[in-house]
Amino acid sequence: MRQVTTRRCIDEVRRSRLRAVPLDDVLELAAADHAADPLLGRTLRRLVTTLPEMQRLVVTLRYQEELGPLEISRIVGMRVNTVKSQLHRALQALRRKLEESHG
């Protein structure tokens, strides 16, 4: 069911050429660390929306759905190493953007 939903979402984004989706509509960070600091949680949600589509999807599946790289690769139809690379690049970008916004 998750794979079908993910693929349908990807197809819809490709068809409609949406550039950004409000992260509050699709992602709630469930990590307890972020609950202690609501400002950090809001900042991270905002920064995740600035990621490219595939990186945003991989980060969402990894940290919201708590899926591993193998499960994510099956859902999005990528090789496991590609998923790991996308996740690594996304986390690097988030760290860099967080440092820029918070000094």
C-alpha atoms as a PDB file:
ATOM      1  CA  MET A   1       0.000   0.000   0.000  1.00  0.00           C
ATOM      2  CA  ARG A   2       2.837   2.371   0.902  1.00  0.00           C
ATOM      3  CA  GLN A   3       4.619   1.670  -2.370  1.00  0.00           C
ATOM      4  CA  VAL A   4       1.479   2.283  -4.420  1.00  0.00           C
ATOM      5  CA  THR A   5       0.799   5.535  -2.556  1.00  0.00           C
ATOM      6  CA  THR A   6       4.379   6.718  -2.973  1.00  0.00           C
ATOM      7  CA  ARG A   7       4.418   5.980  -6.687  1.00  0.00           C
ATOM      8  CA  ARG A   8       1.057   7.695  -7.213  1.00  0.00           C
ATOM      9  CA  CYS A   9       2.365  10.779  -5.382  1.00  0.00           C
ATOM     10  CA  ILE A  10       5.509  10.837  -7.495  1.00  0.00           C
ATOM     11  CA  ASP A  11       3.423  10.516 -10.671  1.00  0.00           C
ATOM     12  CA  GLU A  12       1.124  13.337  -9.568  1.00  0.00           C
ATOM     13  CA  VAL A  13       4.060  15.623  -8.774  1.00  0.00           C
ATOM     14  CA  ARG A  14       5.583  14.913 -12.171  1.00  0.00           C
ATOM     15  CA  ARG A  15       2.271  15.622 -13.900  1.00  0.00           C
ATOM     16  CA  SER A  16       1.485  18.818 -12.045  1.00  0.00           C
ATOM     17  CA  ARG A  17       5.079  20.103 -11.812  1.00  0.00           C
ATOM     18  CA  LEU A  18       4.581  21.251  -8.248  1.00  0.00           C
ATOM     19  CA  ARG A  19       7.674  22.952  -6.947  1.00  0.00           C
ATOM     20  CA  ALA A  20       7.031  22.859  -3.231  1.00  0.00           C
ATOM     21  CA  VAL A  21       4.593  21.231  -0.879  1.00  0.00           C
ATOM     22  CA  PRO A  22       4.123  22.617   2.619  1.00  0.00           C
ATOM     23  CA  LEU A  23       5.882  20.133   4.828  1.00  0.00           C
ATOM     24  CA  ASP A  24       3.278  20.569   7.559  1.00  0.00           C
ATOM     25  CA  ASP A  25       0.785  18.899   5.204  1.00  0.00           C
ATOM     26  CA  VAL A  26       2.878  15.778   4.638  1.00  0.00           C
ATOM     27  CA  LEU A  27       5.357  15.397   7.429  1.00  0.00           C
ATOM     28  CA  GLU A  28       5.325  15.545  11.196  1.00  0.00           C
ATOM     29  CA  LEU A  29       8.672  14.986  12.760  1.00  0.00           C
ATOM     30  CA  ALA A  30       8.164  12.337  15.390  1.00  0.00           C
ATOM     31  CA  ALA A  31      11.559  12.486  17.010  1.00  0.00           C
ATOM     32  CA  ALA A  32      11.425  13.265  20.719  1.00  0.00           C
ATOM     33  CA  ASP A  33      14.439  15.575  20.410  1.00  0.00           C
ATOM     34  CA  HIS A  34      12.455  17.955  18.243  1.00  0.00           C
ATOM     35  CA  ALA A  35       9.488  17.959  20.609  1.00  0.00           C
ATOM     36  CA  ALA A  36      11.729  19.522  23.257  1.00  0.00           C
ATOM     37  CA  ASP A  37      12.640  22.378  20.907  1.00  0.00           C
ATOM     38  CA  PRO A  38       9.639  23.468  18.817  1.00  0.00           C
ATOM     39  CA  LEU A  39      11.672  26.187  17.064  1.00  0.00           C
ATOM     40  CA  LEU A  40      14.173  23.616  15.810  1.00  0.00           C
ATOM     41  CA  GLY A  41      11.340  21.347  14.671  1.00  0.00           C
ATOM     42  CA  ARG A  42       9.701  24.163  12.682  1.00  0.00           C
ATOM     43  CA  THR A  43      13.037  25.166  11.205  1.00  0.00           C
ATOM     44  CA  LEU A  44      13.817  21.605  10.127  1.00  0.00           C
ATOM     45  CA  ARG A  45      10.369  21.171   8.550  1.00  0.00           C
ATOM     46  CA  ARG A  46      10.881  24.418   6.617  1.00  0.00           C
ATOM     47  CA  LEU A  47      14.375  23.374   5.502  1.00  0.00           C
ATOM     48  CA  VAL A  48      13.229  19.928   4.369  1.00  0.00           C
ATOM     49  CA  THR A  49      10.750  21.612   1.999  1.00  0.00           C
ATOM     50  CA  THR A  50      13.688  23.263   0.226  1.00  0.00           C
ATOM     51  CA  LEU A  51      15.274  19.917  -0.670  1.00  0.00           C
ATOM     52  CA  PRO A  52      14.927  18.448  -4.163  1.00  0.00           C
ATOM     53  CA  GLU A  53      11.907  16.149  -4.564  1.00  0.00           C
ATOM     54  CA  MET A  54      13.708  12.804  -4.294  1.00  0.00           C
ATOM     55  CA  GLN A  55      15.827  13.866  -1.318  1.00  0.00           C
ATOM     56  CA  ARG A  56      12.705  15.154   0.431  1.00  0.00           C
ATOM     57  CA  LEU A  57      10.956  11.826  -0.241  1.00  0.00           C
ATOM     58  CA  VAL A  58      13.901   9.766   1.034  1.00  0.00           C
ATOM     59  CA  VAL A  59      14.246  11.868   4.202  1.00  0.00           C
ATOM     60  CA  THR A  60      10.497  11.597   4.840  1.00  0.00           C
ATOM     61  CA  LEU A  61      10.450   7.831   4.385  1.00  0.00           C
ATOM     62  CA  ARG A  62      13.559   7.380   6.528  1.00  0.00           C
ATOM     63  CA  TYR A  63      12.719   9.613   9.464  1.00  0.00           C
ATOM     64  CA  GLN A  64       8.936   9.863   9.486  1.00  0.00           C
ATOM     65  CA  GLU A  65       8.111   6.330   8.397  1.00  0.00           C
ATOM     66  CA  GLU A  66      11.280   4.931  10.017  1.00  0.00           C
ATOM     67  CA  LEU A  67      12.098   2.765   7.006  1.00  0.00           C
ATOM     68  CA  GLY A  68      15.536   1.411   6.237  1.00  0.00           C
ATOM     69  CA  PRO A  69      17.426   1.991   2.984  1.00  0.00           C
ATOM     70  CA  LEU A  70      16.397  -1.409   1.574  1.00  0.00           C
ATOM     71  CA  GLU A  71      12.700  -0.732   2.155  1.00  0.00           C
ATOM     72  CA  ILE A  72      12.999   2.766   0.712  1.00  0.00           C
ATOM     73  CA  SER A  73      14.773   1.423  -2.372  1.00  0.00           C
ATOM     74  CA  ARG A  74      11.906  -0.978  -3.009  1.00  0.00           C
ATOM     75  CA  ILE A  75       9.309   1.781  -2.630  1.00  0.00           C
ATOM     76  CA  VAL A  76      10.952   4.391  -4.845  1.00  0.00           C
ATOM     77  CA  GLY A  77      12.497   1.943  -7.327  1.00  0.00           C
ATOM     78  CA  MET A  78      16.140   2.920  -6.782  1.00  0.00           C
ATOM     79  CA  ARG A  79      19.196   0.941  -5.873  1.00  0.00           C
ATOM     80  CA  VAL A  80      20.036   0.833  -2.174  1.00  0.00           C
ATOM     81  CA  ASN A  81      23.300   2.723  -2.709  1.00  0.00           C
ATOM     82  CA  THR A  82      21.431   5.465  -4.575  1.00  0.00           C
ATOM     83  CA  VAL A  83      19.006   5.802  -1.655  1.00  0.00           C
ATOM     84  CA  LYS A  84      21.940   6.052   0.748  1.00  0.00           C
ATOM     85  CA  SER A  85      23.589   8.693  -1.446  1.00  0.00           C
ATOM     86  CA  GLN A  86      20.378  10.725  -1.679  1.00  0.00           C
ATOM     87  CA  LEU A  87      19.925  10.522   2.084  1.00  0.00           C
ATOM     88  CA  HIS A  88      23.548  11.517   2.718  1.00  0.00           C
ATOM     89  CA  ARG A  89      23.310  14.507   0.360  1.00  0.00           C
ATOM     90  CA  ALA A  90      20.003  15.571   1.907  1.00  0.00           C
ATOM     91  CA  LEU A  91      21.427  15.466   5.435  1.00  0.00           C
ATOM     92  CA  GLN A  92      24.513  17.413   4.346  1.00  0.00           C
ATOM     93  CA  ALA A  93      22.314  20.061   2.748  1.00  0.00           C
ATOM     94  CA  LEU A  94      20.123  20.260   5.852  1.00  0.00           C
ATOM     95  CA  ARG A  95      23.158  20.653   8.106  1.00  0.00           C
ATOM     96  CA  ARG A  96      24.576  23.379   5.887  1.00  0.00           C
ATOM     97  CA  LYS A  97      21.246  25.227   5.695  1.00  0.00           C
ATOM     98  CA  LEU A  98      20.719  24.907   9.440  1.00  0.00           C
ATOM     99  CA  GLU A  99      24.174  26.337  10.128  1.00  0.00           C
ATOM    100  CA  GLU A 100      23.508  29.214   7.720  1.00  0.00           C
ATOM    101  CA  SER A 101      20.178  30.041   9.321  1.00  0.00           C
ATOM    102  CA  HIS A 102      21.357  29.677  12.943  1.00  0.00           C
ATOM    103  CA  GLY A 103      24.996  30.647  12.641  1.00  0.00           C
END
